[in-house]
Amino acid sequence: MLEAAGIITAASLMEDSQALLADAARHLSEVVEQASLEERTDQGLIKEKLRVELRRFFRQTLGTAPFVLPVIMEI
């Protein structure tokens, strides 16, 4: 099963960035849980869904939409 495990940033987003990243990770977990079976089993679809949702989350939270590069690791 696909799970959102963590978020890595290249720069500090703000002073309270750890809490923001924890909120973003929870949001991504919810997105994965609500995704259809087709989306969860197609890496291309789920990557695009996660990218769009994470950009939307940051745009709503910070007022900016950073570059997002989803990386999915199969374990």
N, C-alpha and C. Protein backbone atom coordinates (compact mmCIF):
# COMPACT_ATOMS: atom_id res chain seq x y z
N MET A 1 0.83 -1.18 0.00
CA MET A 1 0.00 0.00 0.00
C MET A 1 0.88 1.24 0.00
N LEU A 2 0.45 2.25 -0.67
CA LEU A 2 1.17 3.50 -0.79
C LEU A 2 0.87 4.39 0.40
N GLU A 3 1.92 4.92 1.03
CA GLU A 3 1.74 5.84 2.15
C GLU A 3 2.64 7.04 1.96
N ALA A 4 2.16 8.21 2.36
CA ALA A 4 2.98 9.41 2.35
C ALA A 4 3.85 9.37 3.60
N ALA A 5 5.16 9.25 3.42
CA ALA A 5 6.03 9.03 4.56
C ALA A 5 6.72 10.30 5.05
N GLY A 6 7.05 11.19 4.18
CA GLY A 6 7.76 12.37 4.63
C GLY A 6 7.96 13.38 3.52
N ILE A 7 8.43 14.55 3.92
CA ILE A 7 8.65 15.64 2.99
C ILE A 7 10.05 16.18 3.24
N ILE A 8 10.79 16.39 2.17
CA ILE A 8 12.13 16.96 2.25
C ILE A 8 12.10 18.30 1.54
N THR A 9 12.67 19.32 2.16
CA THR A 9 12.72 20.64 1.54
C THR A 9 14.18 21.03 1.29
N ALA A 10 14.37 21.89 0.31
CA ALA A 10 15.71 22.38 0.00
C ALA A 10 16.05 23.63 0.80
N ALA A 11 15.05 24.31 1.34
CA ALA A 11 15.26 25.54 2.10
C ALA A 11 14.24 25.62 3.23
N SER A 12 14.54 26.45 4.19
CA SER A 12 13.59 26.67 5.29
C SER A 12 12.41 27.47 4.78
N LEU A 13 11.21 27.00 5.05
CA LEU A 13 10.01 27.67 4.57
C LEU A 13 9.64 28.85 5.46
N MET A 14 9.79 28.67 6.75
CA MET A 14 9.47 29.72 7.70
C MET A 14 9.95 29.29 9.07
N GLU A 15 9.76 30.13 10.06
CA GLU A 15 10.26 29.84 11.40
C GLU A 15 9.69 28.53 11.96
N ASP A 16 8.40 28.30 11.78
CA ASP A 16 7.75 27.11 12.32
C ASP A 16 7.58 26.05 11.22
N SER A 17 8.63 25.81 10.47
CA SER A 17 8.52 24.94 9.30
C SER A 17 8.27 23.48 9.67
N GLN A 18 8.73 23.02 10.83
CA GLN A 18 8.51 21.61 11.21
C GLN A 18 7.02 21.32 11.37
N ALA A 19 6.29 22.23 11.99
CA ALA A 19 4.85 22.04 12.17
C ALA A 19 4.14 22.10 10.82
N LEU A 20 4.58 23.01 9.97
CA LEU A 20 3.99 23.13 8.63
C LEU A 20 4.22 21.86 7.83
N LEU A 21 5.43 21.31 7.88
CA LEU A 21 5.73 20.09 7.14
C LEU A 21 4.95 18.90 7.70
N ALA A 22 4.76 18.86 9.00
CA ALA A 22 3.95 17.79 9.61
C ALA A 22 2.50 17.89 9.12
N ASP A 23 1.98 19.11 9.05
CA ASP A 23 0.62 19.31 8.52
C ASP A 23 0.54 18.88 7.06
N ALA A 24 1.56 19.22 6.28
CA ALA A 24 1.59 18.85 4.87
C ALA A 24 1.63 17.33 4.71
N ALA A 25 2.42 16.66 5.53
CA ALA A 25 2.50 15.19 5.47
C ALA A 25 1.16 14.56 5.82
N ARG A 26 0.47 15.11 6.83
CA ARG A 26 -0.86 14.60 7.18
C ARG A 26 -1.84 14.81 6.03
N HIS A 27 -1.75 15.97 5.39
CA HIS A 27 -2.62 16.26 4.25
C HIS A 27 -2.37 15.25 3.12
N LEU A 28 -1.10 14.97 2.83
CA LEU A 28 -0.78 14.01 1.78
C LEU A 28 -1.27 12.61 2.13
N SER A 29 -1.19 12.24 3.40
CA SER A 29 -1.70 10.94 3.83
C SER A 29 -3.20 10.84 3.56
N GLU A 30 -3.92 11.93 3.85
CA GLU A 30 -5.36 11.96 3.58
C GLU A 30 -5.64 11.86 2.08
N VAL A 31 -4.83 12.54 1.28
CA VAL A 31 -5.01 12.49 -0.18
C VAL A 31 -4.84 11.05 -0.67
N VAL A 32 -3.83 10.36 -0.16
CA VAL A 32 -3.59 8.98 -0.58
C VAL A 32 -4.75 8.09 -0.13
N GLU A 33 -5.21 8.27 1.09
CA GLU A 33 -6.33 7.46 1.60
C GLU A 33 -7.59 7.65 0.75
N GLN A 34 -7.82 8.87 0.27
CA GLN A 34 -9.02 9.17 -0.50
C GLN A 34 -8.86 8.89 -2.00
N ALA A 35 -7.65 8.56 -2.43
CA ALA A 35 -7.41 8.28 -3.84
C ALA A 35 -8.08 6.98 -4.26
N SER A 36 -8.48 6.92 -5.50
CA SER A 36 -9.09 5.70 -6.02
C SER A 36 -8.04 4.60 -6.15
N LEU A 37 -8.49 3.37 -6.30
CA LEU A 37 -7.58 2.24 -6.48
C LEU A 37 -6.72 2.46 -7.71
N GLU A 38 -7.31 2.97 -8.78
CA GLU A 38 -6.57 3.23 -10.01
C GLU A 38 -5.45 4.24 -9.77
N GLU A 39 -5.75 5.31 -9.02
CA GLU A 39 -4.72 6.32 -8.74
C GLU A 39 -3.61 5.74 -7.87
N ARG A 40 -3.97 4.95 -6.87
CA ARG A 40 -2.95 4.39 -5.96
C ARG A 40 -2.06 3.36 -6.64
N THR A 41 -2.55 2.70 -7.68
CA THR A 41 -1.74 1.67 -8.33
C THR A 41 -1.00 2.17 -9.57
N ASP A 42 -1.26 3.39 -9.98
CA ASP A 42 -0.57 3.98 -11.13
C ASP A 42 0.36 5.08 -10.62
N GLN A 43 1.69 4.82 -10.65
CA GLN A 43 2.64 5.78 -10.09
C GLN A 43 2.53 7.16 -10.73
N GLY A 44 2.31 7.21 -12.03
CA GLY A 44 2.19 8.50 -12.70
C GLY A 44 1.01 9.30 -12.20
N LEU A 45 -0.13 8.63 -12.04
CA LEU A 45 -1.34 9.31 -11.55
C LEU A 45 -1.17 9.81 -10.12
N ILE A 46 -0.65 8.96 -9.24
CA ILE A 46 -0.55 9.35 -7.84
C ILE A 46 0.51 10.43 -7.66
N LYS A 47 1.60 10.37 -8.42
CA LYS A 47 2.62 11.42 -8.34
C LYS A 47 2.03 12.78 -8.71
N GLU A 48 1.27 12.81 -9.79
CA GLU A 48 0.68 14.07 -10.24
C GLU A 48 -0.35 14.57 -9.21
N LYS A 49 -1.13 13.67 -8.67
CA LYS A 49 -2.13 14.05 -7.66
C LYS A 49 -1.43 14.63 -6.42
N LEU A 50 -0.38 13.99 -5.96
CA LEU A 50 0.35 14.47 -4.79
C LEU A 50 1.02 15.82 -5.07
N ARG A 51 1.58 15.98 -6.25
CA ARG A 51 2.24 17.24 -6.63
C ARG A 51 1.24 18.39 -6.61
N VAL A 52 0.10 18.18 -7.25
CA VAL A 52 -0.93 19.21 -7.32
C VAL A 52 -1.46 19.55 -5.93
N GLU A 53 -1.74 18.54 -5.13
CA GLU A 53 -2.29 18.77 -3.80
C GLU A 53 -1.29 19.46 -2.88
N LEU A 54 -0.01 19.11 -2.97
CA LEU A 54 0.99 19.74 -2.12
C LEU A 54 1.20 21.20 -2.51
N ARG A 55 1.23 21.48 -3.81
CA ARG A 55 1.32 22.88 -4.27
C ARG A 55 0.11 23.68 -3.78
N ARG A 56 -1.07 23.09 -3.87
CA ARG A 56 -2.29 23.75 -3.41
C ARG A 56 -2.22 24.02 -1.90
N PHE A 57 -1.75 23.04 -1.14
CA PHE A 57 -1.61 23.19 0.31
C PHE A 57 -0.70 24.36 0.65
N PHE A 58 0.47 24.42 0.00
CA PHE A 58 1.40 25.51 0.29
C PHE A 58 0.88 26.86 -0.20
N ARG A 59 0.20 26.87 -1.32
CA ARG A 59 -0.36 28.13 -1.83
C ARG A 59 -1.39 28.67 -0.84
N GLN A 60 -2.23 27.80 -0.30
CA GLN A 60 -3.25 28.24 0.66
C GLN A 60 -2.63 28.62 2.00
N THR A 61 -1.58 27.92 2.40
CA THR A 61 -0.97 28.15 3.70
C THR A 61 0.03 29.31 3.69
N LEU A 62 0.89 29.35 2.67
CA LEU A 62 1.96 30.34 2.63
C LEU A 62 1.75 31.45 1.62
N GLY A 63 0.81 31.24 0.71
CA GLY A 63 0.61 32.24 -0.33
C GLY A 63 1.58 32.09 -1.48
N THR A 64 2.30 31.00 -1.54
CA THR A 64 3.24 30.73 -2.61
C THR A 64 3.15 29.26 -2.99
N ALA A 65 3.43 28.96 -4.24
CA ALA A 65 3.38 27.57 -4.71
C ALA A 65 4.78 27.15 -5.13
N PRO A 66 5.50 26.48 -4.25
CA PRO A 66 6.88 26.09 -4.56
C PRO A 66 6.94 24.94 -5.58
N PHE A 67 8.14 24.72 -6.09
CA PHE A 67 8.40 23.58 -6.97
C PHE A 67 8.24 22.32 -6.13
N VAL A 68 7.48 21.36 -6.64
CA VAL A 68 7.24 20.10 -5.93
C VAL A 68 7.64 18.95 -6.83
N LEU A 69 8.48 18.09 -6.33
CA LEU A 69 8.93 16.92 -7.07
C LEU A 69 8.61 15.67 -6.25
N PRO A 70 7.49 15.00 -6.54
CA PRO A 70 7.15 13.80 -5.78
C PRO A 70 8.10 12.65 -6.13
N VAL A 71 8.54 11.94 -5.12
CA VAL A 71 9.36 10.75 -5.30
C VAL A 71 8.69 9.64 -4.51
N ILE A 72 8.36 8.58 -5.20
CA ILE A 72 7.71 7.44 -4.55
C ILE A 72 8.71 6.29 -4.53
N MET A 73 8.94 5.76 -3.32
CA MET A 73 9.86 4.64 -3.16
C MET A 73 9.06 3.41 -2.79
N GLU A 74 9.25 2.35 -3.55
CA GLU A 74 8.59 1.09 -3.22
C GLU A 74 9.47 0.33 -2.25
N ILE A 75 8.83 -0.20 -1.21
CA ILE A 75 9.58 -0.94 -0.19
C ILE A 75 9.09 -2.37 -0.18
